[in-house]
Structure formats: C-alpha cells, structure tokens
Amino acid sequence: DLSSATSATLSFTFTTANLEAADT
C-alpha cells in the first residue's frame, strides 16, 4: 500500500544460476 507515500523505491539483491542471454 503506497497510497500515502510521497516517494517510493524498490530494491533487492539477486543471483543467477546457469542462465543464458536468451533466458529473460
């Protein structure tokens, strides 16, 4: 719920396993 927000950001960390360029 961001109805009362004046600013907002999304953040996360991620890792990949055996992905190729075509894997999106």
PDB file of all heavy atoms in Angstrom:
ATOM      1  N   ASP A   1       0.840  -1.195   0.000  1.00  0.00           N
ATOM      2  CA  ASP A   1       0.000   0.000   0.000  1.00  0.00           C
ATOM      3  C   ASP A   1       0.876   1.246   0.000  1.00  0.00           C
ATOM      4  O   ASP A   1       1.527   1.570   0.995  1.00  0.00           O
ATOM      5  CB  ASP A   1      -0.913  -0.007   1.222  1.00  0.00           C
ATOM      6  CG  ASP A   1      -1.875   1.173   1.260  1.00  0.00           C
ATOM      7  OD1 ASP A   1      -1.809   2.024   0.349  1.00  0.00           O
ATOM      8  OD2 ASP A   1      -2.689   1.248   2.191  1.00  0.00           O
ATOM      9  N   LEU A   2       0.876   1.969  -1.114  1.00  0.00           N
ATOM     10  CA  LEU A   2       1.654   3.208  -1.238  1.00  0.00           C
ATOM     11  C   LEU A   2       0.740   4.423  -1.395  1.00  0.00           C
ATOM     12  O   LEU A   2       1.164   5.461  -1.904  1.00  0.00           O
ATOM     13  CB  LEU A   2       2.610   3.112  -2.442  1.00  0.00           C
ATOM     14  CG  LEU A   2       3.684   2.025  -2.372  1.00  0.00           C
ATOM     15  CD1 LEU A   2       4.523   2.033  -3.636  1.00  0.00           C
ATOM     16  CD2 LEU A   2       4.579   2.218  -1.145  1.00  0.00           C
ATOM     17  N   SER A   3      -0.495   4.305  -0.938  1.00  0.00           N
ATOM     18  CA  SER A   3      -1.466   5.382  -1.134  1.00  0.00           C
ATOM     19  C   SER A   3      -1.086   6.669  -0.412  1.00  0.00           C
ATOM     20  O   SER A   3      -1.451   7.765  -0.848  1.00  0.00           O
ATOM     21  CB  SER A   3      -2.855   4.928  -0.683  1.00  0.00           C
ATOM     22  OG  SER A   3      -2.842   4.520   0.681  1.00  0.00           O
ATOM     23  N   SER A   4      -0.361   6.576   0.696  1.00  0.00           N
ATOM     24  CA  SER A   4       0.001   7.774   1.461  1.00  0.00           C
ATOM     25  C   SER A   4       1.448   8.200   1.225  1.00  0.00           C
ATOM     26  O   SER A   4       1.920   9.161   1.830  1.00  0.00           O
ATOM     27  CB  SER A   4      -0.207   7.513   2.960  1.00  0.00           C
ATOM     28  OG  SER A   4       0.615   6.445   3.403  1.00  0.00           O
ATOM     29  N   ALA A   5       2.139   7.513   0.342  1.00  0.00           N
ATOM     30  CA  ALA A   5       3.566   7.794   0.121  1.00  0.00           C
ATOM     31  C   ALA A   5       3.773   9.038  -0.730  1.00  0.00           C
ATOM     32  O   ALA A   5       2.981   9.348  -1.624  1.00  0.00           O
ATOM     33  CB  ALA A   5       4.233   6.604  -0.545  1.00  0.00           C
ATOM     34  N   THR A   6       4.843   9.767  -0.439  1.00  0.00           N
ATOM     35  CA  THR A   6       5.250  10.887  -1.291  1.00  0.00           C
ATOM     36  C   THR A   6       6.401  10.496  -2.202  1.00  0.00           C
ATOM     37  O   THR A   6       6.647  11.133  -3.214  1.00  0.00           O
ATOM     38  CB  THR A   6       5.670  12.099  -0.431  1.00  0.00           C
ATOM     39  OG1 THR A   6       6.625  11.677   0.551  1.00  0.00           O
ATOM     40  CG2 THR A   6       4.468  12.696   0.282  1.00  0.00           C
ATOM     41  N   SER A   7       7.120   9.429  -1.853  1.00  0.00           N
ATOM     42  CA  SER A   7       8.165   8.872  -2.712  1.00  0.00           C
ATOM     43  C   SER A   7       8.336   7.406  -2.342  1.00  0.00           C
ATOM     44  O   SER A   7       7.997   6.993  -1.227  1.00  0.00           O
ATOM     45  CB  SER A   7       9.492   9.626  -2.553  1.00  0.00           C
ATOM     46  OG  SER A   7       9.983   9.490  -1.231  1.00  0.00           O
ATOM     47  N   ALA A   8       8.863   6.610  -3.280  1.00  0.00           N
ATOM     48  CA  ALA A   8       8.999   5.177  -3.016  1.00  0.00           C
ATOM     49  C   ALA A   8      10.084   4.573  -3.891  1.00  0.00           C
ATOM     50  O   ALA A   8      10.315   5.021  -5.023  1.00  0.00           O
ATOM     51  CB  ALA A   8       7.671   4.457  -3.265  1.00  0.00           C
ATOM     52  N   THR A   9      10.741   3.540  -3.368  1.00  0.00           N
ATOM     53  CA  THR A   9      11.749   2.802  -4.124  1.00  0.00           C
ATOM     54  C   THR A   9      11.561   1.306  -3.910  1.00  0.00           C
ATOM     55  O   THR A   9      11.096   0.868  -2.858  1.00  0.00           O
ATOM     56  CB  THR A   9      13.188   3.175  -3.709  1.00  0.00           C
ATOM     57  OG1 THR A   9      13.359   2.887  -2.304  1.00  0.00           O
ATOM     58  CG2 THR A   9      13.481   4.650  -3.959  1.00  0.00           C
ATOM     59  N   LEU A  10      11.946   0.545  -4.910  1.00  0.00           N
ATOM     60  CA  LEU A  10      12.017  -0.911  -4.818  1.00  0.00           C
ATOM     61  C   LEU A  10      13.478  -1.316  -4.881  1.00  0.00           C
ATOM     62  O   LEU A  10      14.226  -0.822  -5.735  1.00  0.00           O
ATOM     63  CB  LEU A  10      11.255  -1.559  -5.982  1.00  0.00           C
ATOM     64  CG  LEU A  10      11.564  -3.041  -6.250  1.00  0.00           C
ATOM     65  CD1 LEU A  10      11.112  -3.918  -5.094  1.00  0.00           C
ATOM     66  CD2 LEU A  10      10.916  -3.493  -7.562  1.00  0.00           C
ATOM     67  N   SER A  11      13.897  -2.201  -3.994  1.00  0.00           N
ATOM     68  CA  SER A  11      15.266  -2.691  -4.028  1.00  0.00           C
ATOM     69  C   SER A  11      15.294  -4.181  -3.710  1.00  0.00           C
ATOM     70  O   SER A  11      14.399  -4.705  -3.058  1.00  0.00           O
ATOM     71  CB  SER A  11      16.162  -1.925  -3.048  1.00  0.00           C
ATOM     72  OG  SER A  11      15.745  -2.152  -1.709  1.00  0.00           O
ATOM     73  N   PHE A  12      16.339  -4.856  -4.177  1.00  0.00           N
ATOM     74  CA  PHE A  12      16.543  -6.269  -3.876  1.00  0.00           C
ATOM     75  C   PHE A  12      17.938  -6.676  -4.334  1.00  0.00           C
ATOM     76  O   PHE A  12      18.621  -5.929  -5.048  1.00  0.00           O
ATOM     77  CB  PHE A  12      15.493  -7.149  -4.589  1.00  0.00           C
ATOM     78  CG  PHE A  12      15.452  -6.982  -6.093  1.00  0.00           C
ATOM     79  CD1 PHE A  12      16.369  -7.625  -6.928  1.00  0.00           C
ATOM     80  CD2 PHE A  12      14.484  -6.176  -6.669  1.00  0.00           C
ATOM     81  CE1 PHE A  12      16.318  -7.469  -8.306  1.00  0.00           C
ATOM     82  CE2 PHE A  12      14.436  -5.998  -8.050  1.00  0.00           C
ATOM     83  CZ  PHE A  12      15.351  -6.653  -8.866  1.00  0.00           C
ATOM     84  N   THR A  13      18.363  -7.835  -3.900  1.00  0.00           N
ATOM     85  CA  THR A  13      19.587  -8.444  -4.413  1.00  0.00           C
ATOM     86  C   THR A  13      19.195  -9.702  -5.177  1.00  0.00           C
ATOM     87  O   THR A  13      18.153 -10.309  -4.897  1.00  0.00           O
ATOM     88  CB  THR A  13      20.564  -8.797  -3.289  1.00  0.00           C
ATOM     89  OG1 THR A  13      19.934  -9.696  -2.363  1.00  0.00           O
ATOM     90  CG2 THR A  13      21.012  -7.542  -2.537  1.00  0.00           C
ATOM     91  N   PHE A  14      20.012 -10.100  -6.153  1.00  0.00           N
ATOM     92  CA  PHE A  14      19.687 -11.293  -6.907  1.00  0.00           C
ATOM     93  C   PHE A  14      20.941 -11.998  -7.397  1.00  0.00           C
ATOM     94  O   PHE A  14      22.007 -11.390  -7.559  1.00  0.00           O
ATOM     95  CB  PHE A  14      18.775 -10.964  -8.100  1.00  0.00           C
ATOM     96  CG  PHE A  14      19.496 -10.350  -9.283  1.00  0.00           C
ATOM     97  CD1 PHE A  14      19.854 -11.123 -10.384  1.00  0.00           C
ATOM     98  CD2 PHE A  14      19.810  -9.005  -9.297  1.00  0.00           C
ATOM     99  CE1 PHE A  14      20.514 -10.569 -11.468  1.00  0.00           C
ATOM    100  CE2 PHE A  14      20.472  -8.424 -10.384  1.00  0.00           C
ATOM    101  CZ  PHE A  14      20.828  -9.215 -11.472  1.00  0.00           C
ATOM    102  N   THR A  15      20.805 -13.302  -7.611  1.00  0.00           N
ATOM    103  CA  THR A  15      21.853 -14.130  -8.208  1.00  0.00           C
ATOM    104  C   THR A  15      21.213 -14.988  -9.286  1.00  0.00           C
ATOM    105  O   THR A  15      20.006 -15.258  -9.251  1.00  0.00           O
ATOM    106  CB  THR A  15      22.539 -15.031  -7.170  1.00  0.00           C
ATOM    107  OG1 THR A  15      21.543 -15.864  -6.553  1.00  0.00           O
ATOM    108  CG2 THR A  15      23.238 -14.202  -6.093  1.00  0.00           C
ATOM    109  N   THR A  16      22.015 -15.422 -10.235  1.00  0.00           N
ATOM    110  CA  THR A  16      21.506 -16.281 -11.305  1.00  0.00           C
ATOM    111  C   THR A  16      22.267 -17.594 -11.302  1.00  0.00           C
ATOM    112  O   THR A  16      23.404 -17.683 -10.834  1.00  0.00           O
ATOM    113  CB  THR A  16      21.658 -15.609 -12.681  1.00  0.00           C
ATOM    114  OG1 THR A  16      23.059 -15.377 -12.936  1.00  0.00           O
ATOM    115  CG2 THR A  16      20.912 -14.286 -12.728  1.00  0.00           C
ATOM    116  N   ALA A  17      21.614 -18.625 -11.845  1.00  0.00           N
ATOM    117  CA  ALA A  17      22.242 -19.940 -11.947  1.00  0.00           C
ATOM    118  C   ALA A  17      22.072 -20.474 -13.364  1.00  0.00           C
ATOM    119  O   ALA A  17      20.938 -20.729 -13.798  1.00  0.00           O
ATOM    120  CB  ALA A  17      21.636 -20.904 -10.938  1.00  0.00           C
ATOM    121  N   ASN A  18      23.185 -20.556 -14.091  1.00  0.00           N
ATOM    122  CA  ASN A  18      23.249 -21.190 -15.418  1.00  0.00           C
ATOM    123  C   ASN A  18      22.369 -20.526 -16.477  1.00  0.00           C
ATOM    124  O   ASN A  18      21.942 -21.174 -17.437  1.00  0.00           O
ATOM    125  CB  ASN A  18      22.855 -22.675 -15.305  1.00  0.00           C
ATOM    126  CG  ASN A  18      23.707 -23.410 -14.287  1.00  0.00           C
ATOM    127  OD1 ASN A  18      24.929 -23.382 -14.336  1.00  0.00           O
ATOM    128  ND2 ASN A  18      23.048 -24.045 -13.310  1.00  0.00           N
ATOM    129  N   LEU A  19      22.092 -19.263 -16.316  1.00  0.00           N
ATOM    130  CA  LEU A  19      21.269 -18.563 -17.303  1.00  0.00           C
ATOM    131  C   LEU A  19      22.087 -18.178 -18.524  1.00  0.00           C
ATOM    132  O   LEU A  19      23.280 -17.889 -18.441  1.00  0.00           O
ATOM    133  CB  LEU A  19      20.644 -17.305 -16.695  1.00  0.00           C
ATOM    134  CG  LEU A  19      19.634 -17.482 -15.567  1.00  0.00           C
ATOM    135  CD1 LEU A  19      18.969 -16.144 -15.261  1.00  0.00           C
ATOM    136  CD2 LEU A  19      18.594 -18.533 -15.908  1.00  0.00           C
ATOM    137  N   GLU A  20      21.409 -18.142 -19.652  1.00  0.00           N
ATOM    138  CA  GLU A  20      21.989 -17.664 -20.903  1.00  0.00           C
ATOM    139  C   GLU A  20      21.324 -16.341 -21.274  1.00  0.00           C
ATOM    140  O   GLU A  20      20.338 -15.926 -20.646  1.00  0.00           O
ATOM    141  CB  GLU A  20      21.773 -18.712 -21.994  1.00  0.00           C
ATOM    142  CG  GLU A  20      22.404 -20.066 -21.652  1.00  0.00           C
ATOM    143  CD  GLU A  20      21.932 -21.169 -22.571  1.00  0.00           C
ATOM    144  OE1 GLU A  20      20.937 -20.946 -23.304  1.00  0.00           O
ATOM    145  OE2 GLU A  20      22.530 -22.253 -22.541  1.00  0.00           O
ATOM    146  N   ALA A  21      21.844 -15.694 -22.298  1.00  0.00           N
ATOM    147  CA  ALA A  21      21.313 -14.385 -22.695  1.00  0.00           C
ATOM    148  C   ALA A  21      19.844 -14.452 -23.072  1.00  0.00           C
ATOM    149  O   ALA A  21      19.087 -13.492 -22.882  1.00  0.00           O
ATOM    150  CB  ALA A  21      22.134 -13.824 -23.847  1.00  0.00           C
ATOM    151  N   ALA A  22      19.414 -15.596 -23.611  1.00  0.00           N
ATOM    152  CA  ALA A  22      18.019 -15.729 -24.048  1.00  0.00           C
ATOM    153  C   ALA A  22      17.058 -15.972 -22.891  1.00  0.00           C
ATOM    154  O   ALA A  22      15.836 -15.847 -23.060  1.00  0.00           O
ATOM    155  CB  ALA A  22      17.900 -16.861 -25.063  1.00  0.00           C
ATOM    156  N   ASP A  23      17.582 -16.324 -21.723  1.00  0.00           N
ATOM    157  CA  ASP A  23      16.733 -16.558 -20.550  1.00  0.00           C
ATOM    158  C   ASP A  23      16.411 -15.211 -19.912  1.00  0.00           C
ATOM    159  O   ASP A  23      17.297 -14.568 -19.342  1.00  0.00           O
ATOM    160  CB  ASP A  23      17.448 -17.455 -19.544  1.00  0.00           C
ATOM    161  CG  ASP A  23      17.824 -18.793 -20.139  1.00  0.00           C
ATOM    162  OD1 ASP A  23      16.984 -19.396 -20.825  1.00  0.00           O
ATOM    163  OD2 ASP A  23      18.972 -19.238 -19.928  1.00  0.00           O
ATOM    164  N   THR A  24      15.164 -14.797 -19.994  1.00  0.00           N
ATOM    165  CA  THR A  24      14.803 -13.459 -19.503  1.00  0.00           C
ATOM    166  C   THR A  24      13.681 -13.510 -18.471  1.00  0.00           C
ATOM    167  O   THR A  24      12.782 -14.350 -18.534  1.00  0.00           O
ATOM    168  CB  THR A  24      14.359 -12.539 -20.662  1.00  0.00           C
ATOM    169  OG1 THR A  24      13.224 -13.118 -21.317  1.00  0.00           O
ATOM    170  CG2 THR A  24      15.487 -12.349 -21.663  1.00  0.00           C
TER     171      THR A  24
END
